[in-house]
Amino acid sequence: AGDRVALVAFGDTAFTLCPLSTDGALLAAALARVE
């Protein structure tokens, strides 16, 4: 839809899995790594 989306995951610490991006494939790949 035109948003720039970033992904942050956290546990004991927090880190950026994906910076702000409009690339849906990049976001999907980053989310697939979340365990």
PDB file of all heavy atoms in Angstrom:
ATOM      1  N   ALA A   1       0.813  -1.223   0.000  1.00  0.00           N
ATOM      2  CA  ALA A   1       0.000   0.000   0.000  1.00  0.00           C
ATOM      3  C   ALA A   1       0.842   1.267   0.000  1.00  0.00           C
ATOM      4  O   ALA A   1       0.303   2.363  -0.095  1.00  0.00           O
ATOM      5  CB  ALA A   1      -0.932   0.007   1.204  1.00  0.00           C
ATOM      6  N   GLY A   2       2.173   1.142   0.122  1.00  0.00           N
ATOM      7  CA  GLY A   2       3.035   2.316   0.085  1.00  0.00           C
ATOM      8  C   GLY A   2       3.736   2.634   1.383  1.00  0.00           C
ATOM      9  O   GLY A   2       4.505   3.598   1.453  1.00  0.00           O
ATOM     10  N   ASP A   3       3.508   1.850   2.433  1.00  0.00           N
ATOM     11  CA  ASP A   3       4.205   2.087   3.695  1.00  0.00           C
ATOM     12  C   ASP A   3       5.653   1.625   3.612  1.00  0.00           C
ATOM     13  O   ASP A   3       5.984   0.707   2.871  1.00  0.00           O
ATOM     14  CB  ASP A   3       3.527   1.327   4.837  1.00  0.00           C
ATOM     15  CG  ASP A   3       2.161   1.861   5.165  1.00  0.00           C
ATOM     16  OD1 ASP A   3       1.878   3.010   4.794  1.00  0.00           O
ATOM     17  OD2 ASP A   3       1.373   1.133   5.783  1.00  0.00           O
ATOM     18  N   ARG A   4       6.494   2.264   4.413  1.00  0.00           N
ATOM     19  CA  ARG A   4       7.833   1.746   4.648  1.00  0.00           C
ATOM     20  C   ARG A   4       7.799   1.006   5.979  1.00  0.00           C
ATOM     21  O   ARG A   4       7.450   1.588   7.009  1.00  0.00           O
ATOM     22  CB  ARG A   4       8.865   2.876   4.674  1.00  0.00           C
ATOM     23  CG  ARG A   4       9.000   3.573   3.333  1.00  0.00           C
ATOM     24  CD  ARG A   4      10.142   4.561   3.329  1.00  0.00           C
ATOM     25  NE  ARG A   4       9.903   5.669   4.245  1.00  0.00           N
ATOM     26  CZ  ARG A   4      10.773   6.660   4.439  1.00  0.00           C
ATOM     27  NH1 ARG A   4      11.917   6.653   3.798  1.00  0.00           N
ATOM     28  NH2 ARG A   4      10.490   7.637   5.274  1.00  0.00           N
ATOM     29  N   VAL A   5       8.152  -0.265   5.953  1.00  0.00           N
ATOM     30  CA  VAL A   5       7.978  -1.141   7.111  1.00  0.00           C
ATOM     31  C   VAL A   5       9.336  -1.646   7.574  1.00  0.00           C
ATOM     32  O   VAL A   5      10.167  -2.056   6.758  1.00  0.00           O
ATOM     33  CB  VAL A   5       7.057  -2.327   6.772  1.00  0.00           C
ATOM     34  CG1 VAL A   5       6.783  -3.169   8.013  1.00  0.00           C
ATOM     35  CG2 VAL A   5       5.734  -1.834   6.177  1.00  0.00           C
ATOM     36  N   ALA A   6       9.552  -1.602   8.881  1.00  0.00           N
ATOM     37  CA  ALA A   6      10.762  -2.158   9.493  1.00  0.00           C
ATOM     38  C   ALA A   6      10.358  -3.241  10.482  1.00  0.00           C
ATOM     39  O   ALA A   6       9.209  -3.296  10.936  1.00  0.00           O
ATOM     40  CB  ALA A   6      11.569  -1.069  10.186  1.00  0.00           C
ATOM     41  N   LEU A   7      11.313  -4.102  10.836  1.00  0.00           N
ATOM     42  CA  LEU A   7      11.045  -5.209  11.755  1.00  0.00           C
ATOM     43  C   LEU A   7      12.101  -5.232  12.845  1.00  0.00           C
ATOM     44  O   LEU A   7      13.306  -5.242  12.560  1.00  0.00           O
ATOM     45  CB  LEU A   7      11.042  -6.536  10.995  1.00  0.00           C
ATOM     46  CG  LEU A   7      10.822  -7.794  11.841  1.00  0.00           C
ATOM     47  CD1 LEU A   7       9.427  -7.774  12.469  1.00  0.00           C
ATOM     48  CD2 LEU A   7      11.003  -9.046  11.003  1.00  0.00           C
ATOM     49  N   VAL A   8      11.646  -5.250  14.106  1.00  0.00           N
ATOM     50  CA  VAL A   8      12.511  -5.356  15.277  1.00  0.00           C
ATOM     51  C   VAL A   8      12.073  -6.576  16.069  1.00  0.00           C
ATOM     52  O   VAL A   8      10.877  -6.762  16.323  1.00  0.00           O
ATOM     53  CB  VAL A   8      12.434  -4.084  16.153  1.00  0.00           C
ATOM     54  CG1 VAL A   8      13.140  -4.289  17.485  1.00  0.00           C
ATOM     55  CG2 VAL A   8      13.032  -2.895  15.411  1.00  0.00           C
ATOM     56  N   ALA A   9      13.023  -7.429  16.428  1.00  0.00           N
ATOM     57  CA  ALA A   9      12.751  -8.590  17.281  1.00  0.00           C
ATOM     58  C   ALA A   9      13.489  -8.398  18.604  1.00  0.00           C
ATOM     59  O   ALA A   9      14.521  -7.717  18.661  1.00  0.00           O
ATOM     60  CB  ALA A   9      13.201  -9.877  16.594  1.00  0.00           C
ATOM     61  N   PHE A  10      12.974  -9.003  19.662  1.00  0.00           N
ATOM     62  CA  PHE A  10      13.634  -8.820  20.958  1.00  0.00           C
ATOM     63  C   PHE A  10      13.418 -10.028  21.861  1.00  0.00           C
ATOM     64  O   PHE A  10      12.456 -10.778  21.732  1.00  0.00           O
ATOM     65  CB  PHE A  10      13.122  -7.552  21.643  1.00  0.00           C
ATOM     66  CG  PHE A  10      11.697  -7.624  22.139  1.00  0.00           C
ATOM     67  CD1 PHE A  10      11.410  -7.918  23.466  1.00  0.00           C
ATOM     68  CD2 PHE A  10      10.638  -7.388  21.265  1.00  0.00           C
ATOM     69  CE1 PHE A  10      10.098  -7.975  23.912  1.00  0.00           C
ATOM     70  CE2 PHE A  10       9.320  -7.437  21.721  1.00  0.00           C
ATOM     71  CZ  PHE A  10       9.049  -7.737  23.037  1.00  0.00           C
ATOM     72  N   GLY A  11      14.379 -10.203  22.755  1.00  0.00           N
ATOM     73  CA  GLY A  11      14.343 -11.166  23.840  1.00  0.00           C
ATOM     74  C   GLY A  11      15.084 -10.539  24.997  1.00  0.00           C
ATOM     75  O   GLY A  11      14.638  -9.555  25.571  1.00  0.00           O
ATOM     76  N   ASP A  12      16.295 -11.074  25.337  1.00  0.00           N
ATOM     77  CA  ASP A  12      17.154 -10.389  26.303  1.00  0.00           C
ATOM     78  C   ASP A  12      17.610  -9.039  25.774  1.00  0.00           C
ATOM     79  O   ASP A  12      17.835  -8.094  26.539  1.00  0.00           O
ATOM     80  CB  ASP A  12      18.406 -11.234  26.588  1.00  0.00           C
ATOM     81  CG  ASP A  12      18.057 -12.506  27.358  1.00  0.00           C
ATOM     82  OD1 ASP A  12      16.972 -12.557  27.958  1.00  0.00           O
ATOM     83  OD2 ASP A  12      18.868 -13.447  27.341  1.00  0.00           O
ATOM     84  N   THR A  13      17.780  -8.956  24.464  1.00  0.00           N
ATOM     85  CA  THR A  13      18.178  -7.729  23.783  1.00  0.00           C
ATOM     86  C   THR A  13      17.250  -7.504  22.595  1.00  0.00           C
ATOM     87  O   THR A  13      16.513  -8.409  22.191  1.00  0.00           O
ATOM     88  CB  THR A  13      19.638  -7.813  23.284  1.00  0.00           C
ATOM     89  OG1 THR A  13      19.759  -8.929  22.402  1.00  0.00           O
ATOM     90  CG2 THR A  13      20.605  -7.983  24.446  1.00  0.00           C
ATOM     91  N   ALA A  14      17.329  -6.328  22.028  1.00  0.00           N
ATOM     92  CA  ALA A  14      16.524  -5.992  20.845  1.00  0.00           C
ATOM     93  C   ALA A  14      17.457  -5.702  19.673  1.00  0.00           C
ATOM     94  O   ALA A  14      18.528  -5.114  19.855  1.00  0.00           O
ATOM     95  CB  ALA A  14      15.643  -4.782  21.127  1.00  0.00           C
ATOM     96  N   PHE A  15      17.057  -6.108  18.492  1.00  0.00           N
ATOM     97  CA  PHE A  15      17.875  -5.855  17.312  1.00  0.00           C
ATOM     98  C   PHE A  15      16.964  -5.705  16.095  1.00  0.00           C
ATOM     99  O   PHE A  15      15.824  -6.178  16.074  1.00  0.00           O
ATOM    100  CB  PHE A  15      18.901  -6.970  17.083  1.00  0.00           C
ATOM    101  CG  PHE A  15      18.308  -8.338  16.942  1.00  0.00           C
ATOM    102  CD1 PHE A  15      18.044  -8.870  15.692  1.00  0.00           C
ATOM    103  CD2 PHE A  15      18.016  -9.098  18.062  1.00  0.00           C
ATOM    104  CE1 PHE A  15      17.486 -10.129  15.559  1.00  0.00           C
ATOM    105  CE2 PHE A  15      17.458 -10.362  17.934  1.00  0.00           C
ATOM    106  CZ  PHE A  15      17.194 -10.881  16.686  1.00  0.00           C
ATOM    107  N   THR A  16      17.499  -5.040  15.066  1.00  0.00           N
ATOM    108  CA  THR A  16      16.742  -4.770  13.839  1.00  0.00           C
ATOM    109  C   THR A  16      16.945  -5.915  12.858  1.00  0.00           C
ATOM    110  O   THR A  16      18.071  -6.191  12.456  1.00  0.00           O
ATOM    111  CB  THR A  16      17.200  -3.450  13.196  1.00  0.00           C
ATOM    112  OG1 THR A  16      17.058  -2.388  14.145  1.00  0.00           O
ATOM    113  CG2 THR A  16      16.371  -3.130  11.964  1.00  0.00           C
ATOM    114  N   LEU A  17      15.865  -6.554  12.472  1.00  0.00           N
ATOM    115  CA  LEU A  17      15.927  -7.602  11.457  1.00  0.00           C
ATOM    116  C   LEU A  17      15.790  -7.046  10.054  1.00  0.00           C
ATOM    117  O   LEU A  17      16.303  -7.615   9.097  1.00  0.00           O
ATOM    118  CB  LEU A  17      14.824  -8.638  11.697  1.00  0.00           C
ATOM    119  CG  LEU A  17      15.125  -9.749  12.697  1.00  0.00           C
ATOM    120  CD1 LEU A  17      13.884 -10.590  12.921  1.00  0.00           C
ATOM    121  CD2 LEU A  17      16.276 -10.613  12.234  1.00  0.00           C
ATOM    122  N   CYS A  18      15.060  -5.932   9.906  1.00  0.00           N
ATOM    123  CA  CYS A  18      14.881  -5.316   8.593  1.00  0.00           C
ATOM    124  C   CYS A  18      14.674  -3.828   8.786  1.00  0.00           C
ATOM    125  O   CYS A  18      13.824  -3.424   9.585  1.00  0.00           O
ATOM    126  CB  CYS A  18      13.677  -5.936   7.875  1.00  0.00           C
ATOM    127  SG  CYS A  18      13.371  -5.267   6.220  1.00  0.00           S
ATOM    128  N   PRO A  19      15.444  -2.962   8.110  1.00  0.00           N
ATOM    129  CA  PRO A  19      15.216  -1.520   8.208  1.00  0.00           C
ATOM    130  C   PRO A  19      13.953  -1.128   7.445  1.00  0.00           C
ATOM    131  O   PRO A  19      13.315  -1.962   6.795  1.00  0.00           O
ATOM    132  CB  PRO A  19      16.472  -0.929   7.550  1.00  0.00           C
ATOM    133  CG  PRO A  19      16.886  -1.980   6.569  1.00  0.00           C
ATOM    134  CD  PRO A  19      16.538  -3.299   7.189  1.00  0.00           C
ATOM    135  N   LEU A  20      13.595   0.135   7.505  1.00  0.00           N
ATOM    136  CA  LEU A  20      12.418   0.610   6.781  1.00  0.00           C
ATOM    137  C   LEU A  20      12.546   0.296   5.298  1.00  0.00           C
ATOM    138  O   LEU A  20      13.524   0.674   4.651  1.00  0.00           O
ATOM    139  CB  LEU A  20      12.240   2.107   6.980  1.00  0.00           C
ATOM    140  CG  LEU A  20      11.721   2.554   8.347  1.00  0.00           C
ATOM    141  CD1 LEU A  20      11.810   4.066   8.483  1.00  0.00           C
ATOM    142  CD2 LEU A  20      10.301   2.086   8.585  1.00  0.00           C
ATOM    143  N   SER A  21      11.553  -0.385   4.767  1.00  0.00           N
ATOM    144  CA  SER A  21      11.618  -0.836   3.376  1.00  0.00           C
ATOM    145  C   SER A  21      10.206  -1.031   2.843  1.00  0.00           C
ATOM    146  O   SER A  21       9.265  -1.308   3.598  1.00  0.00           O
ATOM    147  CB  SER A  21      12.397  -2.156   3.287  1.00  0.00           C
ATOM    148  OG  SER A  21      12.340  -2.697   1.983  1.00  0.00           O
ATOM    149  N   THR A  22      10.069  -0.897   1.530  1.00  0.00           N
ATOM    150  CA  THR A  22       8.813  -1.212   0.856  1.00  0.00           C
ATOM    151  C   THR A  22       8.911  -2.548   0.115  1.00  0.00           C
ATOM    152  O   THR A  22       8.025  -2.882  -0.658  1.00  0.00           O
ATOM    153  CB  THR A  22       8.446  -0.104  -0.148  1.00  0.00           C
ATOM    154  OG1 THR A  22       9.518   0.064  -1.091  1.00  0.00           O
ATOM    155  CG2 THR A  22       8.193   1.215   0.560  1.00  0.00           C
ATOM    156  N   ASP A  23       9.977  -3.289   0.352  1.00  0.00           N
ATOM    157  CA  ASP A  23      10.208  -4.571  -0.310  1.00  0.00           C
ATOM    158  C   ASP A  23       9.525  -5.672   0.495  1.00  0.00           C
ATOM    159  O   ASP A  23      10.022  -6.094   1.544  1.00  0.00           O
ATOM    160  CB  ASP A  23      11.710  -4.829  -0.428  1.00  0.00           C
ATOM    161  CG  ASP A  23      12.035  -6.050  -1.284  1.00  0.00           C
ATOM    162  OD1 ASP A  23      11.142  -6.901  -1.461  1.00  0.00           O
ATOM    163  OD2 ASP A  23      13.175  -6.155  -1.765  1.00  0.00           O
ATOM    164  N   GLY A  24       8.380  -6.136   0.011  1.00  0.00           N
ATOM    165  CA  GLY A  24       7.641  -7.167   0.725  1.00  0.00           C
ATOM    166  C   GLY A  24       8.409  -8.469   0.846  1.00  0.00           C
ATOM    167  O   GLY A  24       8.329  -9.160   1.866  1.00  0.00           O
ATOM    168  N   ALA A  25       9.192  -8.829  -0.178  1.00  0.00           N
ATOM    169  CA  ALA A  25       9.968 -10.069  -0.134  1.00  0.00           C
ATOM    170  C   ALA A  25      11.050 -10.003   0.939  1.00  0.00           C
ATOM    171  O   ALA A  25      11.320 -10.977   1.648  1.00  0.00           O
ATOM    172  CB  ALA A  25      10.586 -10.343  -1.507  1.00  0.00           C
ATOM    173  N   LEU A  26      11.683  -8.834   1.085  1.00  0.00           N
ATOM    174  CA  LEU A  26      12.706  -8.659   2.112  1.00  0.00           C
ATOM    175  C   LEU A  26      12.109  -8.783   3.503  1.00  0.00           C
ATOM    176  O   LEU A  26      12.688  -9.430   4.397  1.00  0.00           O
ATOM    177  CB  LEU A  26      13.375  -7.294   1.938  1.00  0.00           C
ATOM    178  CG  LEU A  26      14.495  -6.941   2.920  1.00  0.00           C
ATOM    179  CD1 LEU A  26      15.668  -7.893   2.767  1.00  0.00           C
ATOM    180  CD2 LEU A  26      14.951  -5.500   2.720  1.00  0.00           C
ATOM    181  N   LEU A  27      10.935  -8.194   3.713  1.00  0.00           N
ATOM    182  CA  LEU A  27      10.264  -8.289   5.005  1.00  0.00           C
ATOM    183  C   LEU A  27       9.863  -9.729   5.317  1.00  0.00           C
ATOM    184  O   LEU A  27      10.021 -10.204   6.449  1.00  0.00           O
ATOM    185  CB  LEU A  27       9.035  -7.387   5.012  1.00  0.00           C
ATOM    186  CG  LEU A  27       9.313  -5.886   5.038  1.00  0.00           C
ATOM    187  CD1 LEU A  27       8.075  -5.105   4.622  1.00  0.00           C
ATOM    188  CD2 LEU A  27       9.762  -5.457   6.422  1.00  0.00           C
ATOM    189  N   ALA A  28       9.349 -10.441   4.295  1.00  0.00           N
ATOM    190  CA  ALA A  28       8.946 -11.833   4.502  1.00  0.00           C
ATOM    191  C   ALA A  28      10.148 -12.697   4.868  1.00  0.00           C
ATOM    192  O   ALA A  28      10.056 -13.573   5.746  1.00  0.00           O
ATOM    193  CB  ALA A  28       8.270 -12.368   3.244  1.00  0.00           C
ATOM    194  N   ALA A  29      11.284 -12.467   4.213  1.00  0.00           N
ATOM    195  CA  ALA A  29      12.490 -13.234   4.524  1.00  0.00           C
ATOM    196  C   ALA A  29      12.965 -12.949   5.944  1.00  0.00           C
ATOM    197  O   ALA A  29      13.426 -13.864   6.653  1.00  0.00           O
ATOM    198  CB  ALA A  29      13.582 -12.904   3.512  1.00  0.00           C
ATOM    199  N   ALA A  30      12.868 -11.700   6.386  1.00  0.00           N
ATOM    200  CA  ALA A  30      13.278 -11.355   7.746  1.00  0.00           C
ATOM    201  C   ALA A  30      12.358 -12.011   8.777  1.00  0.00           C
ATOM    202  O   ALA A  30      12.827 -12.550   9.793  1.00  0.00           O
ATOM    203  CB  ALA A  30      13.283  -9.836   7.916  1.00  0.00           C
ATOM    204  N   LEU A  31      11.065 -11.987   8.529  1.00  0.00           N
ATOM    205  CA  LEU A  31      10.118 -12.602   9.464  1.00  0.00           C
ATOM    206  C   LEU A  31      10.291 -14.115   9.533  1.00  0.00           C
ATOM    207  O   LEU A  31      10.080 -14.735  10.579  1.00  0.00           O
ATOM    208  CB  LEU A  31       8.684 -12.254   9.054  1.00  0.00           C
ATOM    209  CG  LEU A  31       8.214 -10.867   9.483  1.00  0.00           C
ATOM    210  CD1 LEU A  31       6.991 -10.433   8.696  1.00  0.00           C
ATOM    211  CD2 LEU A  31       7.904 -10.867  10.985  1.00  0.00           C
ATOM    212  N   ALA A  32      10.670 -14.740   8.420  1.00  0.00           N
ATOM    213  CA  ALA A  32      10.852 -16.193   8.411  1.00  0.00           C
ATOM    214  C   ALA A  32      11.991 -16.623   9.330  1.00  0.00           C
ATOM    215  O   ALA A  32      12.048 -17.788   9.740  1.00  0.00           O
ATOM    216  CB  ALA A  32      11.108 -16.674   6.984  1.00  0.00           C
ATOM    217  N   ARG A  33      12.890 -15.707   9.659  1.00  0.00           N
ATOM    218  CA  ARG A  33      14.032 -16.049  10.517  1.00  0.00           C
ATOM    219  C   ARG A  33      13.713 -15.911  12.005  1.00  0.00           C
ATOM    220  O   ARG A  33      14.541 -16.255  12.850  1.00  0.00           O
ATOM    221  CB  ARG A  33      15.232 -15.160  10.180  1.00  0.00           C
ATOM    222  CG  ARG A  33      15.768 -15.353   8.782  1.00  0.00           C
ATOM    223  CD  ARG A  33      17.167 -14.766   8.650  1.00  0.00           C
ATOM    224  NE  ARG A  33      17.185 -13.340   8.921  1.00  0.00           N
ATOM    225  CZ  ARG A  33      17.041 -12.404   7.995  1.00  0.00           C
ATOM    226  NH1 ARG A  33      16.836 -12.750   6.732  1.00  0.00           N
ATOM    227  NH2 ARG A  33      17.100 -11.128   8.319  1.00  0.00           N
ATOM    228  N   VAL A  34      12.539 -15.385  12.335  1.00  0.00           N
ATOM    229  CA  VAL A  34      12.194 -15.179  13.744  1.00  0.00           C
ATOM    230  C   VAL A  34      11.869 -16.518  14.406  1.00  0.00           C
ATOM    231  O   VAL A  34      10.984 -17.251  13.954  1.00  0.00           O
ATOM    232  CB  VAL A  34      11.005 -14.207  13.877  1.00  0.00           C
ATOM    233  CG1 VAL A  34      10.584 -14.068  15.337  1.00  0.00           C
ATOM    234  CG2 VAL A  34      11.368 -12.847  13.303  1.00  0.00           C
ATOM    235  N   GLU A  35      12.585 -16.830  15.475  1.00  0.00           N
ATOM    236  CA  GLU A  35      12.347 -18.041  16.255  1.00  0.00           C
ATOM    237  C   GLU A  35      12.320 -17.680  17.727  1.00  0.00           C
ATOM    238  O   GLU A  35      13.032 -16.764  18.169  1.00  0.00           O
ATOM    239  CB  GLU A  35      13.440 -19.087  16.006  1.00  0.00           C
ATOM    240  CG  GLU A  35      13.517 -19.601  14.578  1.00  0.00           C
ATOM    241  CD  GLU A  35      12.343 -20.511  14.210  1.00  0.00           C
ATOM    242  OE1 GLU A  35      11.627 -20.946  15.144  1.00  0.00           O
ATOM    243  OE2 GLU A  35      12.155 -20.782  13.020  1.00  0.00           O
TER     244      GLU A  35
END
